[in-house]
Amino acid sequence: MKNPKFLILTTATATEVGKTWLCSALANQLIAEGKNISARKPVQSFDPNDSLTDADVLSQATKEPSTSITPKHRWYPIAAAPPMAAKWLNKAQFSIKDLISEMTWPQNTDIGIVEGVGGVLSPIAFDGNNLDIASAIKPNLVLIVSDAKLGSINNILLTCQALEKFPKAVFLNRFDSQDNLQVENQLWLKEKTDLKIFHSIELLSQWILDISNI
């Protein structure tokens, strides 16, 4: 199977900032624009009491089976970094190479969205983190998800420093235009850096279509 025409890796400044929501919302928007969209999450760990896993949420957006998004043997029902969850469940170790080899795409995929785990340097395999995934798959774009609250500028810039060699954009999730601090943080990032900053799915989607020429 061929790789997507345009490949996006989504990572974050921390865990629980909304990567899955962003991937799902972006997929929905791009599908509404008539594009063939597929999502992958190479591995997932989760609270077994959760009603939906990340793969389930992405499945609802792209209409792919959740086990195509994350292979069933890469589901680890413990809320911890995947290699730690696998260890505690007495499952076999797995490598970045293993995760990449298991990630396949449907034919004629216009845009593929890969969701990482946790923050950019969070462990995703026994031998590497999300940055290693990025180095392996060489995405056309890395989307960094962050909030815009106190401390967000530092977290965003440190994440961008780790991803220095990759084309990237920042999505400020749960942005509150009535919160002066969040507005000022967004303004600072736009004025003081050359980063592309978004808090609108519609504008992000249109920009991706523009740069991808799809």
N, C-alpha and C. Protein backbone atom coordinates (compact mmCIF):
# COMPACT_ATOMS: atom_id res chain seq x y z
N MET A 1 0.83 -1.19 0.00
CA MET A 1 0.00 0.00 0.00
C MET A 1 0.87 1.25 0.00
N LYS A 2 0.46 2.25 -0.77
CA LYS A 2 1.20 3.49 -0.84
C LYS A 2 0.96 4.34 0.40
N ASN A 3 1.96 5.16 0.73
CA ASN A 3 1.78 6.13 1.81
C ASN A 3 0.81 7.22 1.36
N PRO A 4 0.21 7.93 2.30
CA PRO A 4 -0.66 9.06 1.93
C PRO A 4 0.11 10.11 1.13
N LYS A 5 -0.63 10.89 0.36
CA LYS A 5 -0.01 11.96 -0.41
C LYS A 5 0.59 13.02 0.52
N PHE A 6 -0.04 13.21 1.67
CA PHE A 6 0.43 14.19 2.65
C PHE A 6 0.28 13.56 4.03
N LEU A 7 1.35 13.58 4.81
CA LEU A 7 1.37 12.88 6.10
C LEU A 7 1.54 13.86 7.24
N ILE A 8 0.65 13.78 8.21
CA ILE A 8 0.67 14.65 9.39
C ILE A 8 0.92 13.81 10.63
N LEU A 9 1.83 14.23 11.46
CA LEU A 9 2.02 13.65 12.78
C LEU A 9 1.53 14.65 13.82
N THR A 10 0.68 14.19 14.71
CA THR A 10 0.18 15.07 15.78
C THR A 10 0.82 14.69 17.10
N THR A 11 1.44 15.66 17.73
CA THR A 11 2.03 15.46 19.05
C THR A 11 1.57 16.61 19.93
N ALA A 12 2.19 16.76 21.09
CA ALA A 12 1.66 17.74 22.05
C ALA A 12 2.75 18.22 22.99
N THR A 13 2.40 19.26 23.74
CA THR A 13 3.30 19.76 24.78
C THR A 13 3.18 18.94 26.05
N ALA A 14 2.11 18.16 26.18
CA ALA A 14 1.88 17.35 27.38
C ALA A 14 0.76 16.37 27.06
N THR A 15 0.46 15.52 28.01
CA THR A 15 -0.68 14.63 27.83
C THR A 15 -1.97 15.35 28.19
N GLU A 16 -3.08 14.84 27.69
CA GLU A 16 -4.42 15.36 28.01
C GLU A 16 -4.66 16.79 27.54
N VAL A 17 -4.01 17.20 26.45
CA VAL A 17 -4.30 18.54 25.92
C VAL A 17 -5.22 18.48 24.70
N GLY A 18 -5.54 17.28 24.24
CA GLY A 18 -6.55 17.17 23.19
C GLY A 18 -6.08 16.71 21.83
N LYS A 19 -5.04 15.87 21.78
CA LYS A 19 -4.56 15.37 20.48
C LYS A 19 -5.64 14.60 19.74
N THR A 20 -6.31 13.70 20.45
CA THR A 20 -7.31 12.87 19.78
C THR A 20 -8.48 13.71 19.29
N TRP A 21 -8.89 14.67 20.10
CA TRP A 21 -9.97 15.56 19.66
C TRP A 21 -9.56 16.30 18.40
N LEU A 22 -8.34 16.84 18.37
CA LEU A 22 -7.88 17.57 17.20
C LEU A 22 -7.83 16.66 15.97
N CYS A 23 -7.25 15.47 16.12
CA CYS A 23 -7.16 14.55 14.98
C CYS A 23 -8.54 14.22 14.44
N SER A 24 -9.48 13.96 15.34
CA SER A 24 -10.84 13.62 14.95
C SER A 24 -11.53 14.80 14.27
N ALA A 25 -11.43 15.98 14.87
CA ALA A 25 -12.08 17.17 14.30
C ALA A 25 -11.47 17.54 12.96
N LEU A 26 -10.15 17.43 12.85
CA LEU A 26 -9.48 17.74 11.58
C LEU A 26 -9.89 16.74 10.50
N ALA A 27 -9.95 15.46 10.86
CA ALA A 27 -10.39 14.44 9.90
C ALA A 27 -11.80 14.74 9.41
N ASN A 28 -12.69 15.07 10.34
CA ASN A 28 -14.07 15.39 9.96
C ASN A 28 -14.12 16.57 8.99
N GLN A 29 -13.34 17.60 9.28
CA GLN A 29 -13.35 18.80 8.44
C GLN A 29 -12.80 18.51 7.05
N LEU A 30 -11.71 17.75 6.99
CA LEU A 30 -11.10 17.44 5.70
C LEU A 30 -11.97 16.50 4.88
N ILE A 31 -12.65 15.57 5.55
CA ILE A 31 -13.59 14.70 4.86
C ILE A 31 -14.74 15.52 4.29
N ALA A 32 -15.20 16.51 5.04
CA ALA A 32 -16.26 17.39 4.55
C ALA A 32 -15.82 18.18 3.32
N GLU A 33 -14.50 18.35 3.17
CA GLU A 33 -13.95 19.04 2.00
C GLU A 33 -13.77 18.07 0.82
N GLY A 34 -14.18 16.83 1.01
CA GLY A 34 -14.14 15.85 -0.08
C GLY A 34 -12.84 15.08 -0.19
N LYS A 35 -12.01 15.09 0.85
CA LYS A 35 -10.72 14.42 0.79
C LYS A 35 -10.80 13.03 1.43
N ASN A 36 -9.93 12.13 0.94
CA ASN A 36 -9.83 10.80 1.53
C ASN A 36 -8.85 10.86 2.70
N ILE A 37 -9.37 10.65 3.90
CA ILE A 37 -8.58 10.83 5.12
C ILE A 37 -8.52 9.51 5.88
N SER A 38 -7.33 9.20 6.36
CA SER A 38 -7.15 8.01 7.18
C SER A 38 -6.34 8.41 8.42
N ALA A 39 -6.61 7.75 9.53
CA ALA A 39 -5.90 8.05 10.79
C ALA A 39 -5.24 6.79 11.33
N ARG A 40 -4.12 6.99 11.97
CA ARG A 40 -3.40 5.89 12.61
C ARG A 40 -2.88 6.35 13.98
N LYS A 41 -3.00 5.46 14.95
CA LYS A 41 -2.36 5.65 16.25
C LYS A 41 -1.58 4.36 16.48
N PRO A 42 -0.27 4.36 16.33
CA PRO A 42 0.50 3.12 16.29
C PRO A 42 0.32 2.23 17.52
N VAL A 43 0.09 2.87 18.67
CA VAL A 43 -0.08 2.12 19.92
C VAL A 43 -0.91 2.98 20.86
N GLN A 44 -1.70 2.35 21.71
CA GLN A 44 -2.46 3.12 22.67
C GLN A 44 -2.51 2.40 24.01
N SER A 45 -2.42 3.18 25.08
CA SER A 45 -2.65 2.69 26.43
C SER A 45 -3.76 3.54 27.01
N PHE A 46 -4.57 2.95 27.88
CA PHE A 46 -5.79 3.64 28.29
C PHE A 46 -6.33 3.06 29.59
N ASP A 47 -7.16 3.83 30.24
CA ASP A 47 -7.88 3.36 31.42
C ASP A 47 -8.92 2.34 30.98
N PRO A 48 -8.89 1.13 31.51
CA PRO A 48 -9.85 0.12 31.07
C PRO A 48 -11.30 0.49 31.35
N ASN A 49 -11.51 1.49 32.22
CA ASN A 49 -12.88 1.94 32.50
C ASN A 49 -13.40 2.96 31.50
N ASP A 50 -12.51 3.42 30.59
CA ASP A 50 -12.95 4.39 29.59
C ASP A 50 -13.96 3.74 28.65
N SER A 51 -15.00 4.49 28.29
CA SER A 51 -16.02 3.94 27.38
C SER A 51 -15.50 3.88 25.94
N LEU A 52 -14.60 4.80 25.58
CA LEU A 52 -14.02 4.82 24.24
C LEU A 52 -12.51 5.01 24.34
N THR A 53 -11.78 4.29 23.53
CA THR A 53 -10.34 4.52 23.42
C THR A 53 -10.10 5.58 22.35
N ASP A 54 -8.85 6.03 22.25
CA ASP A 54 -8.51 7.00 21.20
C ASP A 54 -8.79 6.41 19.82
N ALA A 55 -8.48 5.13 19.65
CA ALA A 55 -8.73 4.48 18.35
C ALA A 55 -10.22 4.47 18.02
N ASP A 56 -11.05 4.28 19.04
CA ASP A 56 -12.50 4.31 18.81
C ASP A 56 -12.96 5.69 18.35
N VAL A 57 -12.42 6.74 18.97
CA VAL A 57 -12.81 8.11 18.61
C VAL A 57 -12.38 8.41 17.18
N LEU A 58 -11.15 8.03 16.83
CA LEU A 58 -10.68 8.27 15.47
C LEU A 58 -11.47 7.45 14.46
N SER A 59 -11.88 6.26 14.86
CA SER A 59 -12.70 5.41 14.00
C SER A 59 -14.03 6.07 13.67
N GLN A 60 -14.61 6.73 14.64
CA GLN A 60 -15.89 7.41 14.41
C GLN A 60 -15.73 8.52 13.37
N ALA A 61 -14.54 9.15 13.33
CA ALA A 61 -14.31 10.24 12.38
C ALA A 61 -14.04 9.72 10.97
N THR A 62 -13.18 8.71 10.85
CA THR A 62 -12.73 8.27 9.52
C THR A 62 -13.53 7.09 8.98
N LYS A 63 -14.36 6.48 9.84
CA LYS A 63 -15.16 5.31 9.46
C LYS A 63 -14.31 4.07 9.16
N GLU A 64 -13.10 4.06 9.67
CA GLU A 64 -12.25 2.88 9.57
C GLU A 64 -12.43 2.05 10.84
N PRO A 65 -12.23 0.73 10.76
CA PRO A 65 -12.27 -0.07 11.99
C PRO A 65 -11.23 0.43 12.99
N SER A 66 -11.58 0.43 14.25
CA SER A 66 -10.64 0.90 15.27
C SER A 66 -9.37 0.05 15.30
N THR A 67 -9.49 -1.22 14.90
CA THR A 67 -8.31 -2.10 14.87
C THR A 67 -7.44 -1.86 13.65
N SER A 68 -7.94 -1.09 12.68
CA SER A 68 -7.08 -0.64 11.59
C SER A 68 -6.29 0.59 12.02
N ILE A 69 -6.91 1.39 12.87
CA ILE A 69 -6.24 2.58 13.38
C ILE A 69 -5.13 2.21 14.36
N THR A 70 -5.43 1.31 15.28
CA THR A 70 -4.42 0.76 16.19
C THR A 70 -4.58 -0.76 16.18
N PRO A 71 -3.57 -1.51 15.74
CA PRO A 71 -3.69 -2.98 15.76
C PRO A 71 -4.08 -3.47 17.16
N LYS A 72 -4.97 -4.44 17.22
CA LYS A 72 -5.53 -4.87 18.50
C LYS A 72 -4.45 -5.30 19.49
N HIS A 73 -3.36 -5.89 19.01
CA HIS A 73 -2.31 -6.32 19.94
C HIS A 73 -1.49 -5.15 20.48
N ARG A 74 -1.80 -3.92 19.99
CA ARG A 74 -1.15 -2.73 20.52
C ARG A 74 -2.10 -1.91 21.40
N TRP A 75 -3.13 -2.55 21.90
CA TRP A 75 -4.03 -1.93 22.88
C TRP A 75 -3.60 -2.40 24.27
N TYR A 76 -3.22 -1.47 25.13
CA TYR A 76 -2.74 -1.81 26.47
C TYR A 76 -3.60 -1.11 27.51
N PRO A 77 -4.48 -1.86 28.19
CA PRO A 77 -5.45 -1.25 29.11
C PRO A 77 -4.89 -0.88 30.49
N ILE A 78 -3.89 -0.02 30.48
CA ILE A 78 -3.36 0.59 31.69
C ILE A 78 -3.01 2.04 31.35
N ALA A 79 -3.40 2.97 32.17
CA ALA A 79 -3.15 4.39 31.90
C ALA A 79 -1.70 4.73 32.26
N ALA A 80 -0.80 4.44 31.32
CA ALA A 80 0.63 4.72 31.49
C ALA A 80 1.23 4.76 30.09
N ALA A 81 2.47 5.23 29.99
CA ALA A 81 3.14 5.20 28.70
C ALA A 81 3.11 3.77 28.16
N PRO A 82 2.88 3.59 26.85
CA PRO A 82 2.70 2.24 26.30
C PRO A 82 3.77 1.22 26.67
N PRO A 83 5.07 1.56 26.63
CA PRO A 83 6.05 0.53 27.00
C PRO A 83 5.95 0.13 28.48
N MET A 84 5.57 1.08 29.33
CA MET A 84 5.37 0.76 30.74
C MET A 84 4.13 -0.11 30.92
N ALA A 85 3.05 0.24 30.22
CA ALA A 85 1.83 -0.54 30.30
C ALA A 85 2.08 -1.97 29.83
N ALA A 86 2.82 -2.11 28.74
CA ALA A 86 3.13 -3.45 28.22
C ALA A 86 3.94 -4.25 29.24
N LYS A 87 4.89 -3.59 29.87
CA LYS A 87 5.71 -4.26 30.87
C LYS A 87 4.87 -4.76 32.03
N TRP A 88 3.98 -3.91 32.54
CA TRP A 88 3.14 -4.27 33.68
C TRP A 88 2.14 -5.36 33.33
N LEU A 89 1.78 -5.45 32.05
CA LEU A 89 0.85 -6.48 31.60
C LEU A 89 1.57 -7.76 31.16
N ASN A 90 2.89 -7.75 31.33
CA ASN A 90 3.71 -8.91 30.94
C ASN A 90 3.61 -9.21 29.45
N LYS A 91 3.51 -8.13 28.65
CA LYS A 91 3.49 -8.27 27.22
C LYS A 91 4.91 -8.10 26.66
N ALA A 92 5.12 -8.57 25.46
CA ALA A 92 6.44 -8.50 24.84
C ALA A 92 6.85 -7.06 24.57
N GLN A 93 8.15 -6.83 24.63
CA GLN A 93 8.67 -5.52 24.25
C GLN A 93 8.41 -5.27 22.77
N PHE A 94 8.29 -3.98 22.40
CA PHE A 94 8.12 -3.62 21.00
C PHE A 94 8.93 -2.38 20.71
N SER A 95 9.35 -2.25 19.48
CA SER A 95 10.26 -1.18 19.08
C SER A 95 9.57 -0.17 18.17
N ILE A 96 10.26 0.94 17.94
CA ILE A 96 9.78 1.91 16.95
C ILE A 96 9.63 1.22 15.60
N LYS A 97 10.58 0.40 15.23
CA LYS A 97 10.52 -0.32 13.95
C LYS A 97 9.29 -1.20 13.87
N ASP A 98 8.93 -1.86 14.98
CA ASP A 98 7.72 -2.69 15.01
C ASP A 98 6.49 -1.84 14.72
N LEU A 99 6.38 -0.70 15.39
CA LEU A 99 5.20 0.15 15.22
C LEU A 99 5.09 0.68 13.79
N ILE A 100 6.21 1.06 13.21
CA ILE A 100 6.20 1.59 11.86
C ILE A 100 5.81 0.50 10.86
N SER A 101 6.33 -0.70 11.05
CA SER A 101 6.04 -1.79 10.11
C SER A 101 4.57 -2.18 10.13
N GLU A 102 3.89 -1.95 11.24
CA GLU A 102 2.49 -2.33 11.38
C GLU A 102 1.52 -1.24 10.89
N MET A 103 2.06 -0.10 10.54
CA MET A 103 1.22 1.04 10.16
C MET A 103 1.05 1.06 8.64
N THR A 104 -0.10 0.60 8.16
CA THR A 104 -0.38 0.58 6.73
C THR A 104 -1.54 1.51 6.42
N TRP A 105 -1.64 1.87 5.14
CA TRP A 105 -2.61 2.88 4.73
C TRP A 105 -3.47 2.37 3.59
N PRO A 106 -4.73 2.76 3.55
CA PRO A 106 -5.58 2.44 2.40
C PRO A 106 -5.06 3.12 1.14
N GLN A 107 -5.35 2.51 0.00
CA GLN A 107 -4.96 3.14 -1.26
C GLN A 107 -5.71 4.46 -1.44
N ASN A 108 -5.05 5.37 -2.14
CA ASN A 108 -5.65 6.66 -2.49
C ASN A 108 -5.96 7.53 -1.27
N THR A 109 -5.17 7.38 -0.21
CA THR A 109 -5.34 8.26 0.95
C THR A 109 -4.72 9.62 0.63
N ASP A 110 -5.54 10.65 0.67
CA ASP A 110 -5.02 11.99 0.42
C ASP A 110 -4.17 12.48 1.57
N ILE A 111 -4.73 12.43 2.77
CA ILE A 111 -4.02 12.92 3.96
C ILE A 111 -4.10 11.86 5.05
N GLY A 112 -2.95 11.47 5.55
CA GLY A 112 -2.87 10.53 6.67
C GLY A 112 -2.52 11.29 7.93
N ILE A 113 -3.24 10.98 9.00
CA ILE A 113 -3.01 11.63 10.29
C ILE A 113 -2.54 10.58 11.28
N VAL A 114 -1.36 10.76 11.82
CA VAL A 114 -0.79 9.85 12.82
C VAL A 114 -0.82 10.55 14.17
N GLU A 115 -1.44 9.92 15.14
CA GLU A 115 -1.47 10.48 16.49
C GLU A 115 -0.43 9.80 17.37
N GLY A 116 0.42 10.59 17.99
CA GLY A 116 1.38 10.06 18.93
C GLY A 116 0.77 9.86 20.31
N VAL A 117 1.62 9.68 21.31
CA VAL A 117 1.14 9.51 22.69
C VAL A 117 1.82 10.55 23.57
N GLY A 118 1.07 11.14 24.49
CA GLY A 118 1.65 12.09 25.44
C GLY A 118 2.31 13.27 24.74
N GLY A 119 3.40 13.75 25.33
CA GLY A 119 4.17 14.83 24.75
C GLY A 119 5.20 14.31 23.77
N VAL A 120 5.91 15.23 23.12
CA VAL A 120 6.80 14.84 22.04
C VAL A 120 7.89 13.87 22.49
N LEU A 121 8.37 13.98 23.73
CA LEU A 121 9.42 13.10 24.22
C LEU A 121 8.90 11.99 25.12
N SER A 122 7.59 11.80 25.14
CA SER A 122 7.03 10.70 25.93
C SER A 122 7.37 9.37 25.28
N PRO A 123 7.68 8.34 26.08
CA PRO A 123 8.00 7.03 25.50
C PRO A 123 6.81 6.46 24.75
N ILE A 124 7.06 5.97 23.54
CA ILE A 124 6.00 5.33 22.75
C ILE A 124 6.35 3.87 22.47
N ALA A 125 7.62 3.53 22.60
CA ALA A 125 8.09 2.15 22.43
C ALA A 125 9.22 1.93 23.43
N PHE A 126 9.72 0.69 23.50
CA PHE A 126 10.78 0.40 24.46
C PHE A 126 12.09 1.09 24.08
N ASP A 127 12.22 1.47 22.81
CA ASP A 127 13.47 2.07 22.36
C ASP A 127 13.32 3.48 21.82
N GLY A 128 12.19 4.15 22.12
CA GLY A 128 12.09 5.49 21.57
C GLY A 128 10.81 6.22 21.93
N ASN A 129 10.73 7.44 21.45
CA ASN A 129 9.61 8.33 21.77
C ASN A 129 8.97 8.88 20.49
N ASN A 130 8.09 9.86 20.65
CA ASN A 130 7.40 10.42 19.49
C ASN A 130 8.34 11.11 18.51
N LEU A 131 9.43 11.67 19.02
CA LEU A 131 10.41 12.28 18.13
C LEU A 131 11.04 11.21 17.24
N ASP A 132 11.26 10.03 17.78
CA ASP A 132 11.80 8.93 16.98
C ASP A 132 10.80 8.47 15.92
N ILE A 133 9.52 8.49 16.27
CA ILE A 133 8.48 8.18 15.27
C ILE A 133 8.55 9.20 14.14
N ALA A 134 8.66 10.48 14.50
CA ALA A 134 8.75 11.53 13.48
C ALA A 134 9.95 11.30 12.56
N SER A 135 11.08 10.97 13.15
CA SER A 135 12.29 10.74 12.35
C SER A 135 12.11 9.55 11.41
N ALA A 136 11.32 8.57 11.83
CA ALA A 136 11.12 7.36 11.02
C ALA A 136 10.14 7.58 9.88
N ILE A 137 9.04 8.31 10.14
CA ILE A 137 8.01 8.44 9.10
C ILE A 137 8.15 9.70 8.27
N LYS A 138 8.98 10.64 8.73
CA LYS A 138 9.25 11.89 7.99
C LYS A 138 7.96 12.57 7.52
N PRO A 139 7.16 13.04 8.46
CA PRO A 139 5.89 13.67 8.09
C PRO A 139 6.09 14.96 7.32
N ASN A 140 5.10 15.29 6.49
CA ASN A 140 5.12 16.58 5.81
C ASN A 140 4.84 17.72 6.77
N LEU A 141 4.17 17.40 7.89
CA LEU A 141 3.82 18.42 8.87
C LEU A 141 3.68 17.77 10.24
N VAL A 142 4.21 18.43 11.26
CA VAL A 142 3.95 18.03 12.64
C VAL A 142 3.03 19.07 13.25
N LEU A 143 1.88 18.61 13.74
CA LEU A 143 0.95 19.47 14.46
C LEU A 143 1.20 19.34 15.95
N ILE A 144 1.47 20.45 16.60
CA ILE A 144 1.72 20.47 18.04
C ILE A 144 0.47 21.00 18.73
N VAL A 145 -0.10 20.20 19.61
CA VAL A 145 -1.31 20.61 20.33
C VAL A 145 -0.90 21.12 21.71
N SER A 146 -1.45 22.27 22.08
CA SER A 146 -1.16 22.87 23.38
C SER A 146 -2.39 23.63 23.85
N ASP A 147 -2.42 23.93 25.16
CA ASP A 147 -3.38 24.94 25.60
C ASP A 147 -2.71 26.30 25.45
N ALA A 148 -3.40 27.35 25.83
CA ALA A 148 -2.84 28.70 25.73
C ALA A 148 -2.73 29.34 27.11
N LYS A 149 -2.72 28.51 28.14
CA LYS A 149 -2.75 29.02 29.51
C LYS A 149 -1.35 29.37 30.01
N LEU A 150 -1.27 29.72 31.28
CA LEU A 150 0.00 30.07 31.90
C LEU A 150 1.02 28.95 31.69
N GLY A 151 2.18 29.30 31.18
CA GLY A 151 3.23 28.32 30.94
C GLY A 151 3.23 27.75 29.53
N SER A 152 2.24 28.09 28.75
CA SER A 152 2.13 27.47 27.42
C SER A 152 3.24 27.92 26.48
N ILE A 153 3.68 29.17 26.58
CA ILE A 153 4.74 29.63 25.68
C ILE A 153 6.00 28.81 25.87
N ASN A 154 6.40 28.63 27.11
CA ASN A 154 7.58 27.82 27.40
C ASN A 154 7.41 26.39 26.87
N ASN A 155 6.27 25.80 27.13
CA ASN A 155 6.04 24.42 26.70
C ASN A 155 6.06 24.29 25.18
N ILE A 156 5.46 25.24 24.51
CA ILE A 156 5.42 25.21 23.04
C ILE A 156 6.83 25.37 22.46
N LEU A 157 7.59 26.33 22.99
CA LEU A 157 8.93 26.58 22.44
C LEU A 157 9.87 25.41 22.70
N LEU A 158 9.76 24.77 23.87
CA LEU A 158 10.59 23.59 24.14
C LEU A 158 10.23 22.44 23.20
N THR A 159 8.94 22.27 22.94
CA THR A 159 8.50 21.23 22.02
C THR A 159 9.00 21.51 20.61
N CYS A 160 8.91 22.77 20.20
CA CYS A 160 9.39 23.15 18.87
C CYS A 160 10.90 22.96 18.75
N GLN A 161 11.60 23.19 19.84
CA GLN A 161 13.05 23.00 19.83
C GLN A 161 13.38 21.53 19.57
N ALA A 162 12.64 20.62 20.19
CA ALA A 162 12.85 19.20 19.96
C ALA A 162 12.55 18.82 18.52
N LEU A 163 11.58 19.51 17.92
CA LEU A 163 11.13 19.21 16.56
C LEU A 163 11.74 20.17 15.54
N GLU A 164 12.90 20.68 15.84
CA GLU A 164 13.50 21.76 15.05
C GLU A 164 13.57 21.46 13.56
N LYS A 165 13.87 20.23 13.18
CA LYS A 165 14.10 19.93 11.77
C LYS A 165 12.83 19.61 10.98
N PHE A 166 11.68 19.65 11.65
CA PHE A 166 10.43 19.30 10.99
C PHE A 166 9.56 20.53 10.72
N PRO A 167 8.86 20.55 9.59
CA PRO A 167 7.85 21.60 9.39
C PRO A 167 6.72 21.42 10.40
N LYS A 168 6.26 22.49 10.99
CA LYS A 168 5.32 22.33 12.10
C LYS A 168 4.37 23.52 12.20
N ALA A 169 3.30 23.27 12.92
CA ALA A 169 2.32 24.31 13.25
C ALA A 169 1.80 24.00 14.64
N VAL A 170 1.22 25.00 15.28
CA VAL A 170 0.72 24.86 16.65
C VAL A 170 -0.78 25.08 16.65
N PHE A 171 -1.49 24.20 17.32
CA PHE A 171 -2.93 24.37 17.52
C PHE A 171 -3.19 24.61 18.99
N LEU A 172 -3.77 25.77 19.31
CA LEU A 172 -4.11 26.11 20.69
C LEU A 172 -5.51 25.58 20.98
N ASN A 173 -5.54 24.46 21.66
CA ASN A 173 -6.82 23.80 21.91
C ASN A 173 -7.56 24.46 23.08
N ARG A 174 -8.88 24.41 23.01
CA ARG A 174 -9.75 24.98 24.05
C ARG A 174 -9.45 26.47 24.26
N PHE A 175 -9.11 27.13 23.18
CA PHE A 175 -8.75 28.56 23.27
C PHE A 175 -9.95 29.39 23.67
N ASP A 176 -9.74 30.26 24.65
CA ASP A 176 -10.80 31.11 25.18
C ASP A 176 -10.49 32.57 24.81
N SER A 177 -11.21 33.10 23.83
CA SER A 177 -10.95 34.46 23.36
C SER A 177 -11.36 35.52 24.38
N GLN A 178 -12.04 35.11 25.46
CA GLN A 178 -12.42 36.03 26.53
C GLN A 178 -11.38 36.06 27.66
N ASP A 179 -10.38 35.21 27.56
CA ASP A 179 -9.33 35.13 28.57
C ASP A 179 -8.14 35.97 28.10
N ASN A 180 -7.87 37.06 28.79
CA ASN A 180 -6.82 37.98 28.35
C ASN A 180 -5.45 37.31 28.27
N LEU A 181 -5.15 36.41 29.21
CA LEU A 181 -3.85 35.74 29.19
C LEU A 181 -3.71 34.87 27.94
N GLN A 182 -4.74 34.12 27.62
CA GLN A 182 -4.68 33.27 26.44
C GLN A 182 -4.54 34.10 25.17
N VAL A 183 -5.25 35.20 25.10
CA VAL A 183 -5.15 36.09 23.94
C VAL A 183 -3.74 36.66 23.82
N GLU A 184 -3.17 37.08 24.94
CA GLU A 184 -1.82 37.65 24.92
C GLU A 184 -0.78 36.60 24.59
N ASN A 185 -0.95 35.38 25.09
CA ASN A 185 -0.01 34.30 24.76
C ASN A 185 -0.03 34.01 23.27
N GLN A 186 -1.23 33.96 22.69
CA GLN A 186 -1.33 33.74 21.25
C GLN A 186 -0.67 34.87 20.48
N LEU A 187 -0.93 36.11 20.89
CA LEU A 187 -0.35 37.28 20.23
C LEU A 187 1.17 37.26 20.30
N TRP A 188 1.71 36.90 21.46
CA TRP A 188 3.17 36.84 21.64
C TRP A 188 3.77 35.83 20.68
N LEU A 189 3.16 34.65 20.59
CA LEU A 189 3.68 33.61 19.70
C LEU A 189 3.65 34.06 18.24
N LYS A 190 2.60 34.76 17.87
CA LYS A 190 2.49 35.22 16.49
C LYS A 190 3.49 36.33 16.17
N GLU A 191 3.76 37.19 17.16
CA GLU A 191 4.64 38.33 16.93
C GLU A 191 6.12 38.00 17.10
N LYS A 192 6.41 37.08 18.02
CA LYS A 192 7.80 36.81 18.39
C LYS A 192 8.39 35.57 17.73
N THR A 193 7.58 34.76 17.07
CA THR A 193 8.09 33.56 16.42
C THR A 193 7.57 33.52 14.98
N ASP A 194 8.11 32.60 14.21
CA ASP A 194 7.62 32.41 12.84
C ASP A 194 6.69 31.20 12.76
N LEU A 195 6.18 30.75 13.90
CA LEU A 195 5.29 29.60 13.94
C LEU A 195 3.91 29.95 13.36
N LYS A 196 3.32 28.96 12.70
CA LYS A 196 1.93 29.07 12.30
C LYS A 196 1.08 28.68 13.51
N ILE A 197 0.22 29.58 13.96
CA ILE A 197 -0.58 29.38 15.17
C ILE A 197 -2.06 29.37 14.79
N PHE A 198 -2.78 28.35 15.24
CA PHE A 198 -4.21 28.22 14.94
C PHE A 198 -5.00 27.91 16.20
N HIS A 199 -6.25 28.32 16.22
CA HIS A 199 -7.18 27.78 17.21
C HIS A 199 -8.53 27.46 16.58
N SER A 200 -8.58 27.56 15.25
CA SER A 200 -9.78 27.25 14.49
C SER A 200 -9.51 26.03 13.61
N ILE A 201 -10.34 25.00 13.74
CA ILE A 201 -10.20 23.82 12.89
C ILE A 201 -10.40 24.18 11.42
N GLU A 202 -11.35 25.05 11.15
CA GLU A 202 -11.64 25.42 9.77
C GLU A 202 -10.43 26.10 9.11
N LEU A 203 -9.80 27.03 9.84
CA LEU A 203 -8.64 27.72 9.28
C LEU A 203 -7.44 26.78 9.16
N LEU A 204 -7.27 25.90 10.14
CA LEU A 204 -6.18 24.92 10.07
C LEU A 204 -6.37 24.00 8.87
N SER A 205 -7.59 23.51 8.69
CA SER A 205 -7.90 22.62 7.58
C SER A 205 -7.61 23.29 6.24
N GLN A 206 -8.05 24.53 6.09
CA GLN A 206 -7.83 25.23 4.83
C GLN A 206 -6.35 25.45 4.57
N TRP A 207 -5.60 25.79 5.59
CA TRP A 207 -4.16 25.99 5.45
C TRP A 207 -3.48 24.70 5.02
N ILE A 208 -3.88 23.58 5.62
CA ILE A 208 -3.29 22.27 5.24
C ILE A 208 -3.59 21.95 3.79
N LEU A 209 -4.83 22.22 3.36
CA LEU A 209 -5.16 21.98 1.95
C LEU A 209 -4.34 22.88 1.04
N ASP A 210 -4.09 24.10 1.46
CA ASP A 210 -3.31 25.03 0.65
C ASP A 210 -1.86 24.56 0.50
N ILE A 211 -1.23 24.16 1.61
CA ILE A 211 0.19 23.79 1.55
C ILE A 211 0.41 22.42 0.95
N SER A 212 -0.63 21.56 1.02
CA SER A 212 -0.48 20.20 0.50
C SER A 212 -0.82 20.11 -0.98
N ASN A 213 -1.51 21.12 -1.49
CA ASN A 213 -1.94 21.12 -2.90
C ASN A 213 -2.80 19.90 -3.24
N ILE A 214 -3.60 19.48 -2.29
CA ILE A 214 -4.47 18.31 -2.50
C ILE A 214 -5.90 18.80 -2.73
